[in-house]
Amino acid sequence: MNPTDWTAVAFVLFVIAIFKPAKNFILSGLDAKIDEIRSQVEEAEQLREEAQALLATYQRQQREALKKAEEIVSRAEENASRMRIKAENDLDEAIKRQETLAHEKIAQAEAAAIARVQSMAVNLAVSATEKILTERLAGKAGKGLIDHAISDLPTKLQ
């Protein structure tokens, strides 16, 4: 055997001698790395599950919020419709009241105008009668009429 063979044999023995303790060291390092990766994968799965649960919760809350918003809008539309109908009815009633008041004022104005015309007609008739009587009762003819009216009084008063 030459020195190269001895060197090769020594190298192989050295590698075998080092491999056993190094193997345990390498395997324990790999096992630690595997455990670390496994722990990270489990943590990632747990985080994914939590994220999915949160997503489901937020989606449910969003659906509920949309439903509530739709209900609020629906109620608001109903209230607006009721308020519009009430306002229309109130306006109709106010218009009817105004029409009634206008008719009453017109009737009052007509009555007042008729009363004024009648008053003026009475005044005019009284004035005309006064003028006619004044003209007819002046002089001898008037004295005869007055005497005749006075003599007829007792018969007319009985």
C-alpha atoms as a PDB file:
ATOM      1  CA  MET A   1       0.000   0.000   0.000  1.00  0.00           C
ATOM      2  CA  ASN A   2       1.301   3.241  -0.915  1.00  0.00           C
ATOM      3  CA  PRO A   3       0.900   6.510   0.949  1.00  0.00           C
ATOM      4  CA  THR A   4      -1.975   7.691  -1.284  1.00  0.00           C
ATOM      5  CA  ASP A   5      -4.003   4.624  -0.382  1.00  0.00           C
ATOM      6  CA  TRP A   6      -3.257   5.178   3.272  1.00  0.00           C
ATOM      7  CA  THR A   7      -4.323   8.768   2.930  1.00  0.00           C
ATOM      8  CA  ALA A   8      -7.566   7.686   1.266  1.00  0.00           C
ATOM      9  CA  VAL A   9      -8.225   5.075   3.961  1.00  0.00           C
ATOM     10  CA  ALA A  10      -7.431   7.615   6.685  1.00  0.00           C
ATOM     11  CA  PHE A  11      -9.724  10.117   5.025  1.00  0.00           C
ATOM     12  CA  VAL A  12     -12.592   7.590   4.813  1.00  0.00           C
ATOM     13  CA  LEU A  13     -12.067   6.608   8.460  1.00  0.00           C
ATOM     14  CA  PHE A  14     -11.938  10.282   9.407  1.00  0.00           C
ATOM     15  CA  VAL A  15     -15.168  10.980   7.503  1.00  0.00           C
ATOM     16  CA  ILE A  16     -16.844   7.944   9.145  1.00  0.00           C
ATOM     17  CA  ALA A  17     -15.630   9.025  12.581  1.00  0.00           C
ATOM     18  CA  ILE A  18     -16.818  12.591  12.006  1.00  0.00           C
ATOM     19  CA  PHE A  19     -20.038  11.553  10.230  1.00  0.00           C
ATOM     20  CA  LYS A  20     -21.602   9.820  13.253  1.00  0.00           C
ATOM     21  CA  PRO A  21     -21.413  12.825  15.611  1.00  0.00           C
ATOM     22  CA  ALA A  22     -21.966  15.257  12.744  1.00  0.00           C
ATOM     23  CA  LYS A  23     -24.940  13.175  11.580  1.00  0.00           C
ATOM     24  CA  ASN A  24     -26.645  13.639  14.956  1.00  0.00           C
ATOM     25  CA  PHE A  25     -25.806  17.338  14.878  1.00  0.00           C
ATOM     26  CA  ILE A  26     -27.041  17.739  11.280  1.00  0.00           C
ATOM     27  CA  LEU A  27     -30.198  15.673  11.931  1.00  0.00           C
ATOM     28  CA  SER A  28     -30.973  17.600  15.122  1.00  0.00           C
ATOM     29  CA  GLY A  29     -30.496  20.881  13.188  1.00  0.00           C
ATOM     30  CA  LEU A  30     -32.746  19.616  10.386  1.00  0.00           C
ATOM     31  CA  ASP A  31     -35.324  18.387  12.927  1.00  0.00           C
ATOM     32  CA  ALA A  32     -35.259  21.801  14.614  1.00  0.00           C
ATOM     33  CA  LYS A  33     -35.702  23.507  11.227  1.00  0.00           C
ATOM     34  CA  ILE A  34     -38.561  21.092  10.351  1.00  0.00           C
ATOM     35  CA  ASP A  35     -40.230  21.801  13.710  1.00  0.00           C
ATOM     36  CA  GLU A  36     -39.811  25.550  13.147  1.00  0.00           C
ATOM     37  CA  ILE A  37     -41.296  25.310   9.631  1.00  0.00           C
ATOM     38  CA  ARG A  38     -44.115  23.073  10.898  1.00  0.00           C
ATOM     39  CA  SER A  39     -44.833  25.602  13.674  1.00  0.00           C
ATOM     40  CA  GLN A  40     -44.887  28.435  11.114  1.00  0.00           C
ATOM     41  CA  VAL A  41     -47.221  26.427   8.843  1.00  0.00           C
ATOM     42  CA  GLU A  42     -49.564  25.695  11.769  1.00  0.00           C
ATOM     43  CA  GLU A  43     -49.484  29.358  12.783  1.00  0.00           C
ATOM     44  CA  ALA A  44     -50.186  30.375   9.175  1.00  0.00           C
ATOM     45  CA  GLU A  45     -53.119  27.929   9.026  1.00  0.00           C
ATOM     46  CA  GLN A  46     -54.451  29.280  12.312  1.00  0.00           C
ATOM     47  CA  LEU A  47     -54.094  32.854  11.046  1.00  0.00           C
ATOM     48  CA  ARG A  48     -55.834  31.876   7.795  1.00  0.00           C
ATOM     49  CA  GLU A  49     -58.721  30.325   9.758  1.00  0.00           C
ATOM     50  CA  GLU A  50     -58.977  33.425  11.958  1.00  0.00           C
ATOM     51  CA  ALA A  51     -58.898  35.630   8.855  1.00  0.00           C
ATOM     52  CA  GLN A  52     -61.656  33.540   7.255  1.00  0.00           C
ATOM     53  CA  ALA A  53     -63.712  33.751  10.444  1.00  0.00           C
ATOM     54  CA  LEU A  54     -63.210  37.533  10.560  1.00  0.00           C
ATOM     55  CA  LEU A  55     -64.079  37.796   6.875  1.00  0.00           C
ATOM     56  CA  ALA A  56     -67.260  35.793   7.435  1.00  0.00           C
ATOM     57  CA  THR A  57     -68.125  37.987  10.441  1.00  0.00           C
ATOM     58  CA  TYR A  58     -67.538  41.201   8.479  1.00  0.00           C
ATOM     59  CA  GLN A  59     -69.521  39.891   5.520  1.00  0.00           C
ATOM     60  CA  ARG A  60     -72.415  39.002   7.839  1.00  0.00           C
ATOM     61  CA  GLN A  61     -72.203  42.430   9.480  1.00  0.00           C
ATOM     62  CA  GLN A  62     -72.139  44.054   6.044  1.00  0.00           C
ATOM     63  CA  ARG A  63     -75.232  42.102   4.975  1.00  0.00           C
ATOM     64  CA  GLU A  64     -76.988  43.096   8.207  1.00  0.00           C
ATOM     65  CA  ALA A  65     -75.967  46.736   7.736  1.00  0.00           C
ATOM     66  CA  LEU A  66     -77.236  46.696   4.148  1.00  0.00           C
ATOM     67  CA  LYS A  67     -80.506  45.133   5.309  1.00  0.00           C
ATOM     68  CA  LYS A  68     -80.888  47.780   8.022  1.00  0.00           C
ATOM     69  CA  ALA A  69     -80.052  50.520   5.518  1.00  0.00           C
ATOM     70  CA  GLU A  70     -82.691  49.164   3.135  1.00  0.00           C
ATOM     71  CA  GLU A  71     -85.220  49.078   5.980  1.00  0.00           C
ATOM     72  CA  ILE A  72     -84.345  52.656   6.931  1.00  0.00           C
ATOM     73  CA  VAL A  73     -84.691  53.800   3.319  1.00  0.00           C
ATOM     74  CA  SER A  74     -87.988  51.926   3.024  1.00  0.00           C
ATOM     75  CA  ARG A  75     -89.317  53.510   6.227  1.00  0.00           C
ATOM     76  CA  ALA A  76     -88.115  56.929   5.082  1.00  0.00           C
ATOM     77  CA  GLU A  77     -89.890  56.497   1.746  1.00  0.00           C
ATOM     78  CA  GLU A  78     -93.083  55.423   3.539  1.00  0.00           C
ATOM     79  CA  ASN A  79     -92.837  58.395   5.901  1.00  0.00           C
ATOM     80  CA  ALA A  80     -92.190  60.752   2.995  1.00  0.00           C
ATOM     81  CA  SER A  81     -95.185  59.325   1.156  1.00  0.00           C
ATOM     82  CA  ARG A  82     -97.396  59.707   4.225  1.00  0.00           C
ATOM     83  CA  MET A  83     -96.122  63.233   4.796  1.00  0.00           C
ATOM     84  CA  ARG A  84     -96.736  64.132   1.126  1.00  0.00           C
ATOM     85  CA  ILE A  85    -100.293  62.775   1.310  1.00  0.00           C
ATOM     86  CA  LYS A  86    -100.905  64.621   4.595  1.00  0.00           C
ATOM     87  CA  ALA A  87     -99.472  67.834   3.131  1.00  0.00           C
ATOM     88  CA  GLU A  88    -101.686  67.461   0.063  1.00  0.00           C
ATOM     89  CA  ASN A  89    -104.742  66.873   2.268  1.00  0.00           C
ATOM     90  CA  ASP A  90    -103.821  69.810   4.501  1.00  0.00           C
ATOM     91  CA  LEU A  91    -103.344  71.989   1.422  1.00  0.00           C
ATOM     92  CA  ASP A  92    -106.707  70.885   0.028  1.00  0.00           C
ATOM     93  CA  GLU A  93    -108.367  71.671   3.361  1.00  0.00           C
ATOM     94  CA  ALA A  94    -106.638  75.059   3.543  1.00  0.00           C
ATOM     95  CA  ILE A  95    -107.741  75.857  -0.009  1.00  0.00           C
ATOM     96  CA  LYS A  96    -111.313  74.831   0.841  1.00  0.00           C
ATOM     97  CA  ARG A  97    -111.236  77.008   3.976  1.00  0.00           C
ATOM     98  CA  GLN A  98    -109.896  79.935   1.944  1.00  0.00           C
ATOM     99  CA  GLU A  99    -112.603  79.385  -0.682  1.00  0.00           C
ATOM    100  CA  THR A 100    -115.256  79.250   2.049  1.00  0.00           C
ATOM    101  CA  LEU A 101    -113.889  82.426   3.623  1.00  0.00           C
ATOM    102  CA  ALA A 102    -113.779  84.106   0.216  1.00  0.00           C
ATOM    103  CA  HIS A 103    -117.392  83.089  -0.474  1.00  0.00           C
ATOM    104  CA  GLU A 104    -118.425  84.353   2.963  1.00  0.00           C
ATOM    105  CA  LYS A 105    -116.619  87.660   2.394  1.00  0.00           C
ATOM    106  CA  ILE A 106    -118.232  87.968  -1.031  1.00  0.00           C
ATOM    107  CA  ALA A 107    -121.652  87.263   0.517  1.00  0.00           C
ATOM    108  CA  GLN A 108    -120.979  89.823   3.248  1.00  0.00           C
ATOM    109  CA  ALA A 109    -119.832  92.366   0.668  1.00  0.00           C
ATOM    110  CA  GLU A 110    -122.952  91.671  -1.413  1.00  0.00           C
ATOM    111  CA  ALA A 111    -125.163  92.048   1.664  1.00  0.00           C
ATOM    112  CA  ALA A 112    -123.396  95.277   2.612  1.00  0.00           C
ATOM    113  CA  ALA A 113    -123.725  96.579  -0.953  1.00  0.00           C
ATOM    114  CA  ILE A 114    -127.437  95.666  -1.024  1.00  0.00           C
ATOM    115  CA  ALA A 115    -127.921  97.343   2.366  1.00  0.00           C
ATOM    116  CA  ARG A 116    -126.149 100.486   1.107  1.00  0.00           C
ATOM    117  CA  VAL A 117    -128.208 100.500  -2.084  1.00  0.00           C
ATOM    118  CA  GLN A 118    -131.408 100.013  -0.070  1.00  0.00           C
ATOM    119  CA  SER A 119    -130.356 102.746   2.344  1.00  0.00           C
ATOM    120  CA  MET A 120    -129.599 105.053  -0.553  1.00  0.00           C
ATOM    121  CA  ALA A 121    -132.924 104.126  -2.183  1.00  0.00           C
ATOM    122  CA  VAL A 122    -134.782 104.837   1.072  1.00  0.00           C
ATOM    123  CA  ASN A 123    -132.953 108.136   1.494  1.00  0.00           C
ATOM    124  CA  LEU A 124    -133.669 109.019  -2.120  1.00  0.00           C
ATOM    125  CA  ALA A 125    -137.339 108.059  -1.730  1.00  0.00           C
ATOM    126  CA  VAL A 126    -137.617 110.075   1.485  1.00  0.00           C
ATOM    127  CA  SER A 127    -135.960 113.063  -0.184  1.00  0.00           C
ATOM    128  CA  ALA A 128    -138.177 112.763  -3.243  1.00  0.00           C
ATOM    129  CA  THR A 129    -141.266 112.370  -1.057  1.00  0.00           C
ATOM    130  CA  GLU A 130    -140.218 115.340   1.029  1.00  0.00           C
ATOM    131  CA  LYS A 131    -139.673 117.419  -2.076  1.00  0.00           C
ATOM    132  CA  ILE A 132    -142.984 116.351  -3.617  1.00  0.00           C
ATOM    133  CA  LEU A 133    -144.872 116.957  -0.390  1.00  0.00           C
ATOM    134  CA  THR A 134    -143.189 120.275   0.109  1.00  0.00           C
ATOM    135  CA  GLU A 135    -144.195 121.342  -3.391  1.00  0.00           C
ATOM    136  CA  ARG A 136    -147.774 120.037  -3.120  1.00  0.00           C
ATOM    137  CA  LEU A 137    -148.428 121.192   0.398  1.00  0.00           C
ATOM    138  CA  ALA A 138    -147.377 124.723  -0.287  1.00  0.00           C
ATOM    139  CA  GLY A 139    -150.204 127.212  -0.495  1.00  0.00           C
ATOM    140  CA  LYS A 140    -154.027 126.711  -0.245  1.00  0.00           C
ATOM    141  CA  ALA A 141    -154.064 123.235  -1.742  1.00  0.00           C
ATOM    142  CA  GLY A 142    -151.650 122.031   0.909  1.00  0.00           C
ATOM    143  CA  LYS A 143    -153.722 123.503   3.712  1.00  0.00           C
ATOM    144  CA  GLY A 144    -156.818 121.676   2.459  1.00  0.00           C
ATOM    145  CA  LEU A 145    -154.950 118.364   2.306  1.00  0.00           C
ATOM    146  CA  ILE A 146    -153.618 118.830   5.836  1.00  0.00           C
ATOM    147  CA  ASP A 147    -157.079 119.666   7.167  1.00  0.00           C
ATOM    148  CA  HIS A 148    -158.570 116.661   5.402  1.00  0.00           C
ATOM    149  CA  ALA A 149    -155.798 114.355   6.795  1.00  0.00           C
ATOM    150  CA  ILE A 150    -156.367 115.673  10.313  1.00  0.00           C
ATOM    151  CA  SER A 151    -160.098 115.084  10.070  1.00  0.00           C
ATOM    152  CA  ASP A 152    -159.523 111.495   8.815  1.00  0.00           C
ATOM    153  CA  LEU A 153    -157.180 110.695  11.695  1.00  0.00           C
ATOM    154  CA  PRO A 154    -159.785 109.680  14.264  1.00  0.00           C
ATOM    155  CA  THR A 155    -161.395 107.224  11.857  1.00  0.00           C
ATOM    156  CA  LYS A 156    -158.075 105.696  10.855  1.00  0.00           C
ATOM    157  CA  LEU A 157    -156.818 105.375  14.417  1.00  0.00           C
ATOM    158  CA  GLN A 158    -159.807 103.363  15.590  1.00  0.00           C
END
